[in-house]
Amino acid sequence: MKRYIGNILVWFFLAITLNLFFLAKNEVGMSLNFNWLFVSQLVSLVGTTLLTLSFLLSGRFRFVEDWFGGLDKVYHFHHLTGGISIVFLLHHPLFLAVNALPNTVLSWKYLWFSDLLPYNTGVISLYFMLLMIIFTLFIKLPYSLWKKTHELMGVSLFFAVLHILTISSDVSRYLPLKMWMYFLLGMAIYSVIYRRFLYGYFGPKFKYLVKSISRKADILDVTLMPITTIIDYVPGQFVFLKFNDINKEVHPFSIAGCDEVGNLRIAVKILGDYTIMMKSLQEGSSVTLWGPYGKFWENSRGAKNYIWIAGGIGVTPFLSLLEEEVATSPERKIDFFYCVNSEEEAVFHQEILSKTDDLPSITYYKHCSNQLGRIDAKKIVRSVGNLIDKKIMICGPISMMTSLADQFGKMGIRNKNIIFEDFNFK
């Protein structure tokens, strides 16, 4: 039940906003005329509520991750609430402009700058939102630049707050609605300040050094040594890392394992600009990490039988889970599929094979697509026999995960028995 608190919270916040909106109309003696003005006010308040929640969801707060059942779920809700809020808020000035017709002078003031400051703050917020949409949907930017453009929403929030504070509206006339909107805006502002300025200092931060680096095909296998405090993590979780000597960017990486003295292991596929720079990483380099995050294993607990499906570098959380299996030898049956395009890409095959050889509870399958075709649900069923009472854990490319989930769903597997780990935070 705990993992659904976030979903309930979103609807609860929306319900409060809507109730206060209708009470405000009643308080000031206005009849509920469903005209363009009424609709514009409604979409404005709903959009603002969702926008403030979107900022809360971007703050990497631990309690929020608990509410949604994993940080990947939080970010999906962040994208969803942010996207819907923008759609609603963009329609607010459009509906006001339509309502003002045939007075074209007044209508245009809702869409462009004029001598009215409250209107201008709303217009500025509007155009920063439009810039955000353009950069997100129509211009393919590198991750580092995309993160910078994402900060435009903070600017948009600032001017939206000024607009709400200075405009004459139901918010200014009805005290309960005003206090509620101030609470939402204050929550959003604090989330921006925390994530932008305070998280780097007060977040769950740890200092490590690069102990060793080895390259296997296009994979960097990196071991990190703690300087003081050792991070306490659950197998299957991930951290946000900053390699201080090569770049100031922060990226998420799964923990592939941890030895008895607390040395962490991560595996990185050399793919984008950031990971290419990591080839210059040296032993002894300073590393800052934040975390751990993720509920991949926590959301999967409770079953006796599992199917693990790893696609490419998506094998990394399973390596830490396998490490736990070796250490504890629990009474559960696991079918482990390691899916790669070719033999050359199966860089962890020997490691997995050596660990599973002595574990009769784990049946290991290496699946090379260039020999066997793409992995699918039917091939998995042919290998494992049936899917009864099994939990299916998948980590890999998004297209692979969504395709397999859809195939398993058509076979009658319930969503709660298909567990994802999705790193698509962009």
Protein backbone atom coordinates (compact mmCIF):
# COMPACT_ATOMS: atom_id res chain seq x y z
CA MET A 1 0.00 0.00 0.00
CA LYS A 2 2.87 2.37 0.82
CA ARG A 3 4.02 2.55 -2.80
CA TYR A 4 0.58 3.90 -3.86
CA ILE A 5 0.64 6.83 -1.43
CA GLY A 6 2.12 9.06 -4.15
CA ASN A 7 -0.69 8.33 -6.60
CA ILE A 8 -3.28 9.02 -3.94
CA LEU A 9 -1.49 12.22 -2.94
CA VAL A 10 -1.65 13.65 -6.47
CA TRP A 11 -5.41 13.10 -6.68
CA PHE A 12 -5.87 14.40 -3.12
CA PHE A 13 -4.08 17.66 -3.94
CA LEU A 14 -6.14 18.09 -7.09
CA ALA A 15 -9.36 17.44 -5.15
CA ILE A 16 -8.46 20.13 -2.59
CA THR A 17 -7.73 22.65 -5.36
CA LEU A 18 -10.99 21.94 -7.17
CA ASN A 19 -13.08 22.08 -3.99
CA LEU A 20 -11.55 25.38 -2.92
CA PHE A 21 -12.08 26.78 -6.42
CA PHE A 22 -15.82 26.03 -6.33
CA LEU A 23 -16.09 27.27 -2.74
CA ALA A 24 -14.39 30.50 -3.81
CA LYS A 25 -17.05 31.05 -6.47
CA ASN A 26 -19.77 30.51 -3.89
CA GLU A 27 -18.07 32.77 -1.31
CA VAL A 28 -17.89 35.81 -3.59
CA GLY A 29 -21.45 35.25 -4.79
CA MET A 30 -20.56 34.31 -8.35
CA SER A 31 -22.75 31.86 -10.22
CA LEU A 32 -21.07 28.93 -11.92
CA ASN A 33 -21.18 30.17 -15.49
CA PHE A 34 -19.29 27.67 -17.62
CA ASN A 35 -17.84 30.22 -20.02
CA TRP A 36 -14.30 30.74 -21.33
CA LEU A 37 -13.33 32.75 -18.24
CA PHE A 38 -14.46 29.96 -15.91
CA VAL A 39 -12.57 27.33 -17.93
CA SER A 40 -9.42 29.47 -18.05
CA GLN A 41 -9.46 29.86 -14.25
CA LEU A 42 -10.04 26.13 -13.78
CA VAL A 43 -7.19 25.02 -16.04
CA SER A 44 -4.91 27.60 -14.41
CA LEU A 45 -5.44 26.22 -10.90
CA VAL A 46 -5.23 22.56 -11.97
CA GLY A 47 -2.11 23.30 -14.02
CA THR A 48 -0.47 25.18 -11.14
CA THR A 49 -1.22 22.32 -8.72
CA LEU A 50 0.35 19.77 -11.08
CA LEU A 51 3.32 22.04 -11.76
CA THR A 52 4.10 22.44 -8.07
CA LEU A 53 3.82 18.68 -7.57
CA SER A 54 6.19 18.20 -10.50
CA PHE A 55 8.82 20.29 -8.73
CA LEU A 56 8.33 18.30 -5.53
CA LEU A 57 8.88 15.08 -7.51
CA SER A 58 12.17 16.37 -8.94
CA GLY A 59 13.75 17.01 -5.53
CA ARG A 60 15.09 13.47 -4.89
CA PHE A 61 13.47 13.43 -1.48
CA ARG A 62 13.70 10.01 0.18
CA PHE A 63 10.16 10.16 1.56
CA VAL A 64 8.81 10.88 -1.94
CA GLU A 65 10.66 7.86 -3.33
CA ASP A 66 9.03 5.73 -0.62
CA TRP A 67 5.60 7.08 -1.57
CA PHE A 68 5.96 6.07 -5.22
CA GLY A 69 7.92 2.83 -4.86
CA GLY A 70 11.22 3.88 -6.43
CA LEU A 71 12.95 6.95 -7.82
CA ASP A 72 12.39 5.78 -11.41
CA LYS A 73 8.63 5.80 -10.69
CA VAL A 74 8.97 9.27 -9.14
CA TYR A 75 10.64 10.63 -12.28
CA HIS A 76 7.96 9.12 -14.51
CA PHE A 77 5.32 10.90 -12.44
CA HIS A 78 7.45 14.05 -12.57
CA HIS A 79 7.42 13.94 -16.38
CA LEU A 80 3.70 13.14 -16.46
CA THR A 81 2.57 15.86 -14.06
CA GLY A 82 4.97 18.38 -15.61
CA GLY A 83 3.77 17.67 -19.14
CA ILE A 84 0.07 17.81 -18.24
CA SER A 85 0.57 20.99 -16.21
CA ILE A 86 2.19 22.75 -19.17
CA VAL A 87 -0.73 21.79 -21.43
CA PHE A 88 -3.22 23.18 -18.90
CA LEU A 89 -1.25 26.37 -18.22
CA LEU A 90 -0.72 27.14 -21.90
CA HIS A 91 -4.48 27.05 -22.40
CA HIS A 92 -5.08 29.54 -19.57
CA PRO A 93 -4.07 32.69 -21.54
CA LEU A 94 -5.61 31.27 -24.73
CA PHE A 95 -9.02 30.88 -23.09
CA LEU A 96 -8.71 34.35 -21.54
CA ALA A 97 -7.91 35.79 -24.96
CA VAL A 98 -10.94 34.07 -26.48
CA ASN A 99 -13.12 35.31 -23.60
CA ALA A 100 -12.00 38.91 -24.23
CA LEU A 101 -13.08 38.89 -27.89
CA PRO A 102 -14.22 40.93 -29.75
CA ASN A 103 -12.03 43.33 -27.74
CA THR A 104 -8.82 42.48 -29.60
CA VAL A 105 -6.71 44.99 -27.64
CA LEU A 106 -7.52 43.29 -24.32
CA SER A 107 -7.30 39.84 -25.91
CA TRP A 108 -3.76 40.52 -27.14
CA LYS A 109 -2.64 41.59 -23.63
CA TYR A 110 -3.06 38.01 -22.48
CA LEU A 111 -0.60 36.82 -25.13
CA TRP A 112 1.98 39.61 -25.43
CA PHE A 113 3.62 42.33 -23.33
CA SER A 114 1.68 45.45 -22.35
CA ASP A 115 1.73 48.16 -19.68
CA LEU A 116 0.08 45.81 -17.12
CA LEU A 117 2.69 44.18 -14.84
CA PRO A 118 0.49 41.29 -13.57
CA TYR A 119 -0.26 40.32 -17.17
CA ASN A 120 3.41 40.62 -18.19
CA THR A 121 4.60 38.22 -15.48
CA GLY A 122 2.12 35.66 -16.77
CA VAL A 123 3.27 36.22 -20.36
CA ILE A 124 6.93 35.76 -19.38
CA SER A 125 6.07 32.52 -17.59
CA LEU A 126 4.15 31.39 -20.67
CA TYR A 127 7.06 31.93 -23.05
CA PHE A 128 9.58 30.21 -20.81
CA MET A 129 7.25 27.20 -20.86
CA LEU A 130 7.12 27.34 -24.64
CA LEU A 131 10.94 27.40 -24.77
CA MET A 132 10.99 24.35 -22.53
CA ILE A 133 8.63 22.50 -24.88
CA ILE A 134 10.75 23.41 -27.92
CA PHE A 135 13.98 22.17 -26.29
CA THR A 136 12.32 19.00 -25.00
CA LEU A 137 10.28 17.90 -27.99
CA PHE A 138 11.81 19.42 -31.09
CA ILE A 139 15.54 19.80 -30.46
CA LYS A 140 17.61 16.71 -29.63
CA LEU A 141 20.18 17.94 -27.14
CA PRO A 142 22.98 16.14 -25.29
CA TYR A 143 22.01 15.17 -21.75
CA SER A 144 24.17 17.91 -20.17
CA LEU A 145 22.55 20.67 -22.26
CA TRP A 146 19.09 19.17 -21.80
CA LYS A 147 19.54 19.42 -18.02
CA LYS A 148 20.40 23.11 -18.40
CA THR A 149 17.30 23.82 -20.48
CA HIS A 150 15.21 21.98 -17.89
CA GLU A 151 16.08 24.77 -15.46
CA LEU A 152 13.88 27.07 -17.57
CA MET A 153 10.95 25.62 -15.64
CA GLY A 154 12.38 27.16 -12.48
CA VAL A 155 12.36 30.57 -14.19
CA SER A 156 8.82 29.93 -15.37
CA LEU A 157 7.79 29.06 -11.81
CA PHE A 158 9.29 32.33 -10.51
CA PHE A 159 7.24 34.47 -12.89
CA ALA A 160 4.15 32.32 -12.34
CA VAL A 161 4.44 33.06 -8.61
CA LEU A 162 4.69 36.81 -9.33
CA HIS A 163 1.67 36.53 -11.61
CA ILE A 164 -0.45 34.82 -8.95
CA LEU A 165 0.66 37.27 -6.26
CA THR A 166 -0.17 40.39 -8.30
CA ILE A 167 -3.25 39.44 -10.34
CA SER A 168 -6.78 40.00 -9.08
CA SER A 169 -8.47 36.59 -9.04
CA ASP A 170 -10.32 34.04 -6.93
CA VAL A 171 -6.99 33.32 -5.25
CA SER A 172 -6.63 36.90 -4.03
CA ARG A 173 -10.30 37.17 -3.00
CA TYR A 174 -10.82 33.87 -1.14
CA LEU A 175 -8.45 33.33 1.81
CA PRO A 176 -8.56 29.48 2.02
CA LEU A 177 -7.72 29.19 -1.69
CA LYS A 178 -5.00 31.82 -1.31
CA MET A 179 -3.39 29.94 1.62
CA TRP A 180 -3.59 26.65 -0.29
CA MET A 181 -1.95 28.07 -3.40
CA TYR A 182 0.72 29.79 -1.28
CA PHE A 183 1.43 26.42 0.35
CA LEU A 184 1.78 24.71 -3.06
CA LEU A 185 3.98 27.47 -4.45
CA GLY A 186 6.12 27.51 -1.30
CA MET A 187 6.56 23.73 -1.58
CA ALA A 188 7.65 24.09 -5.21
CA ILE A 189 10.06 26.96 -4.44
CA TYR A 190 11.64 24.99 -1.59
CA SER A 191 12.00 21.94 -3.87
CA VAL A 192 13.82 24.06 -6.48
CA ILE A 193 16.12 25.63 -3.89
CA TYR A 194 16.87 22.27 -2.26
CA ARG A 195 17.56 20.43 -5.51
CA ARG A 196 19.49 23.28 -7.14
CA PHE A 197 21.52 24.65 -4.22
CA LEU A 198 21.24 22.48 -1.09
CA TYR A 199 21.18 18.87 -2.32
CA GLY A 200 24.88 18.87 -3.20
CA TYR A 201 25.72 19.73 0.42
CA PHE A 202 22.94 18.15 2.48
CA GLY A 203 21.74 15.26 0.33
CA PRO A 204 22.76 11.65 1.13
CA LYS A 205 26.39 12.28 0.08
CA PHE A 206 29.49 10.06 0.33
CA LYS A 207 33.14 10.54 -0.66
CA TYR A 208 34.98 7.78 -2.54
CA LEU A 209 38.17 7.31 -4.56
CA VAL A 210 38.65 5.30 -7.74
CA LYS A 211 40.51 2.17 -6.61
CA SER A 212 40.77 0.31 -9.91
CA ILE A 213 39.58 0.48 -13.53
CA SER A 214 39.41 -2.26 -16.11
CA ARG A 215 37.98 -2.20 -19.61
CA LYS A 216 36.04 -5.09 -21.08
CA ALA A 217 35.00 -4.39 -24.69
CA ASP A 218 32.95 -1.17 -24.42
CA ILE A 219 32.39 -1.55 -20.66
CA LEU A 220 34.39 0.17 -17.91
CA ASP A 221 34.45 -1.88 -14.71
CA VAL A 222 35.22 0.59 -11.89
CA THR A 223 35.85 -0.12 -8.20
CA LEU A 224 35.33 2.75 -5.74
CA MET A 225 36.94 2.88 -2.29
CA PRO A 226 35.27 4.79 0.59
CA ILE A 227 37.24 7.61 2.19
CA THR A 228 35.31 7.68 5.45
CA THR A 229 31.67 6.53 5.64
CA ILE A 230 30.57 3.41 3.74
CA ILE A 231 27.26 3.67 1.93
CA ASP A 232 24.60 1.26 3.17
CA TYR A 233 22.67 -0.11 0.22
CA VAL A 234 20.33 -2.90 -0.83
CA PRO A 235 21.36 -5.02 -3.86
CA GLY A 236 19.73 -3.70 -7.02
CA GLN A 237 19.95 -0.04 -5.99
CA PHE A 238 21.79 2.76 -7.80
CA VAL A 239 23.63 5.96 -6.96
CA PHE A 240 24.24 9.33 -8.59
CA LEU A 241 27.96 9.80 -9.25
CA LYS A 242 30.16 12.78 -9.96
CA PHE A 243 33.75 12.08 -11.05
CA ASN A 244 35.26 15.30 -9.76
CA ASP A 245 38.48 15.15 -11.82
CA ILE A 246 36.84 14.83 -15.26
CA ASN A 247 33.47 16.59 -15.13
CA LYS A 248 30.99 18.22 -12.77
CA GLU A 249 27.99 16.38 -14.20
CA VAL A 250 26.08 13.90 -12.06
CA HIS A 251 24.82 10.64 -13.59
CA PRO A 252 23.01 7.58 -12.22
CA PHE A 253 24.79 4.20 -12.17
CA SER A 254 23.67 0.86 -10.74
CA ILE A 255 25.74 -0.68 -7.99
CA ALA A 256 27.16 -3.92 -9.41
CA GLY A 257 28.47 -5.14 -6.07
CA CYS A 258 30.31 -4.41 -2.84
CA ASP A 259 33.13 -6.32 -1.14
CA GLU A 260 33.62 -7.03 2.56
CA VAL A 261 35.48 -3.74 3.21
CA GLY A 262 32.90 -1.53 1.50
CA ASN A 263 34.45 -1.05 -1.96
CA LEU A 264 31.68 -0.38 -4.47
CA ARG A 265 31.66 -1.63 -8.00
CA ILE A 266 29.96 0.01 -10.98
CA ALA A 267 29.96 -0.92 -14.64
CA VAL A 268 29.64 1.80 -17.27
CA LYS A 269 28.95 1.36 -20.97
CA ILE A 270 30.95 3.83 -23.09
CA LEU A 271 28.12 5.41 -25.02
CA GLY A 272 27.56 9.18 -24.73
CA ASP A 273 29.84 12.19 -24.29
CA TYR A 274 30.04 11.77 -20.53
CA THR A 275 30.97 8.07 -20.54
CA ILE A 276 33.51 8.69 -23.32
CA MET A 277 35.22 11.21 -21.01
CA MET A 278 35.36 8.50 -18.35
CA LYS A 279 38.01 6.70 -20.41
CA SER A 280 40.44 9.29 -19.01
CA LEU A 281 39.56 8.32 -15.44
CA GLN A 282 42.60 7.51 -13.28
CA GLU A 283 43.10 5.46 -10.14
CA GLY A 284 42.91 7.73 -7.10
CA SER A 285 40.45 10.12 -8.72
CA SER A 286 37.96 11.73 -6.37
CA VAL A 287 34.32 10.64 -6.61
CA THR A 288 31.21 12.05 -4.94
CA LEU A 289 28.11 9.90 -4.84
CA TRP A 290 24.57 10.44 -3.60
CA GLY A 291 22.19 7.67 -2.68
CA PRO A 292 21.36 4.91 -2.62
CA TYR A 293 18.09 5.00 -4.53
CA GLY A 294 15.79 2.48 -6.13
CA LYS A 295 13.28 -0.16 -5.04
CA PHE A 296 14.07 -2.77 -7.70
CA TRP A 297 14.64 -5.61 -5.24
CA GLU A 298 12.33 -4.29 -2.52
CA ASN A 299 9.40 -4.23 -4.96
CA SER A 300 10.20 -7.81 -5.97
CA ARG A 301 10.49 -9.45 -2.56
CA GLY A 302 8.04 -12.07 -1.39
CA ALA A 303 8.15 -14.62 -4.21
CA LYS A 304 9.70 -18.09 -4.22
CA ASN A 305 10.45 -18.11 -7.94
CA TYR A 306 11.98 -15.40 -10.11
CA ILE A 307 12.87 -14.70 -13.70
CA TRP A 308 15.70 -12.20 -14.13
CA ILE A 309 16.02 -10.65 -17.59
CA ALA A 310 19.05 -8.42 -18.17
CA GLY A 311 19.60 -6.56 -21.42
CA GLY A 312 23.18 -5.43 -22.07
CA ILE A 313 24.45 -3.06 -19.40
CA GLY A 314 21.13 -3.64 -17.62
CA VAL A 315 22.87 -6.64 -16.08
CA THR A 316 24.56 -4.44 -13.44
CA PRO A 317 21.79 -4.50 -10.77
CA PHE A 318 21.55 -8.27 -11.22
CA LEU A 319 25.27 -8.63 -10.52
CA SER A 320 24.71 -7.20 -7.04
CA LEU A 321 21.63 -9.38 -6.57
CA LEU A 322 23.66 -12.41 -7.66
CA GLU A 323 26.31 -11.45 -5.12
CA GLU A 324 23.66 -11.63 -2.40
CA GLU A 325 22.47 -15.02 -3.66
CA VAL A 326 26.00 -16.40 -3.43
CA ALA A 327 26.42 -15.04 0.09
CA THR A 328 23.07 -16.14 1.53
CA SER A 329 21.93 -19.12 -0.64
CA PRO A 330 18.23 -18.49 0.05
CA GLU A 331 15.57 -21.02 -0.87
CA ARG A 332 14.28 -19.50 -4.09
CA LYS A 333 14.41 -20.61 -7.71
CA ILE A 334 15.80 -18.12 -10.26
CA ASP A 335 15.99 -18.29 -14.05
CA PHE A 336 18.57 -15.72 -15.13
CA PHE A 337 18.66 -14.49 -18.76
CA TYR A 338 21.63 -12.38 -19.83
CA CYS A 339 20.68 -10.89 -23.23
CA VAL A 340 23.27 -9.33 -25.55
CA ASN A 341 23.62 -8.73 -29.28
CA SER A 342 26.74 -10.88 -29.71
CA GLU A 343 29.28 -13.02 -27.85
CA GLU A 344 31.69 -10.06 -27.73
CA GLU A 345 29.18 -8.01 -25.74
CA ALA A 346 28.67 -10.70 -23.09
CA VAL A 347 31.51 -9.32 -20.97
CA PHE A 348 30.06 -10.61 -17.68
CA HIS A 349 29.27 -14.12 -18.95
CA GLN A 350 32.21 -15.87 -17.30
CA GLU A 351 31.65 -14.06 -14.01
CA ILE A 352 27.98 -15.02 -13.93
CA LEU A 353 28.75 -18.58 -15.01
CA SER A 354 31.36 -19.08 -12.30
CA LYS A 355 28.96 -17.87 -9.60
CA THR A 356 25.91 -19.79 -10.78
CA ASP A 357 27.75 -23.10 -11.33
CA ASP A 358 27.74 -23.70 -7.57
CA LEU A 359 24.18 -22.49 -7.08
CA PRO A 360 21.65 -25.17 -8.11
CA SER A 361 18.83 -22.73 -7.35
CA ILE A 362 19.86 -20.52 -10.32
CA THR A 363 19.53 -21.58 -13.94
CA TYR A 364 21.56 -19.31 -16.18
CA TYR A 365 20.92 -18.57 -19.88
CA LYS A 366 23.11 -16.49 -22.17
CA HIS A 367 21.06 -15.19 -25.09
CA CYS A 368 22.89 -13.72 -28.10
CA SER A 369 20.46 -12.04 -30.51
CA ASN A 370 22.66 -12.50 -33.58
CA GLN A 371 22.46 -16.26 -33.05
CA LEU A 372 19.04 -16.83 -31.47
CA GLY A 373 17.06 -13.78 -32.53
CA ARG A 374 15.65 -11.23 -30.13
CA ILE A 375 14.55 -12.45 -26.75
CA ASP A 376 10.78 -12.65 -26.32
CA ALA A 377 8.28 -14.02 -23.83
CA LYS A 378 7.64 -17.23 -25.77
CA LYS A 379 11.35 -18.12 -25.81
CA ILE A 380 11.53 -17.49 -22.08
CA VAL A 381 8.51 -19.69 -21.41
CA ARG A 382 10.01 -22.47 -23.52
CA SER A 383 13.13 -22.30 -21.35
CA VAL A 384 11.53 -22.04 -17.90
CA GLY A 385 8.45 -24.19 -18.47
CA ASN A 386 5.75 -21.88 -17.10
CA LEU A 387 5.23 -18.49 -15.47
CA ILE A 388 3.05 -19.62 -12.57
CA ASP A 389 3.92 -17.97 -9.24
CA LYS A 390 6.97 -16.23 -10.71
CA LYS A 391 8.03 -12.61 -10.41
CA ILE A 392 9.69 -11.22 -13.51
CA MET A 393 12.45 -8.62 -13.04
CA ILE A 394 13.65 -6.75 -16.14
CA CYS A 395 16.42 -4.20 -16.62
CA GLY A 396 17.72 -3.13 -20.02
CA PRO A 397 16.85 -0.91 -22.98
CA ILE A 398 13.42 0.72 -22.71
CA SER A 399 12.20 -0.85 -25.96
CA MET A 400 13.12 -4.31 -24.68
CA MET A 401 11.46 -3.80 -21.28
CA THR A 402 8.20 -2.40 -22.65
CA SER A 403 7.98 -5.07 -25.34
CA LEU A 404 8.53 -7.93 -22.89
CA ALA A 405 6.12 -6.44 -20.36
CA ASP A 406 3.45 -6.19 -23.06
CA GLN A 407 4.07 -9.80 -24.14
CA PHE A 408 3.90 -11.10 -20.58
CA GLY A 409 0.77 -9.05 -19.98
CA LYS A 410 -0.93 -10.75 -22.93
CA MET A 411 -0.01 -14.08 -21.34
CA GLY A 412 -1.99 -13.09 -18.26
CA ILE A 413 0.85 -11.99 -15.99
CA ARG A 414 -0.31 -9.23 -13.66
CA ASN A 415 1.54 -5.90 -13.65
CA LYS A 416 2.56 -6.29 -10.01
CA ASN A 417 4.56 -9.39 -10.98
CA ILE A 418 6.58 -7.55 -13.68
CA ILE A 419 9.21 -5.33 -12.06
CA PHE A 420 11.18 -2.72 -14.02
CA GLU A 421 14.29 -0.72 -13.33
CA ASP A 422 14.12 2.22 -15.73
CA PHE A 423 17.00 4.73 -15.87
CA ASN A 424 15.30 7.00 -18.41
CA PHE A 425 15.37 10.12 -16.22
CA LYS A 426 15.50 12.51 -19.19
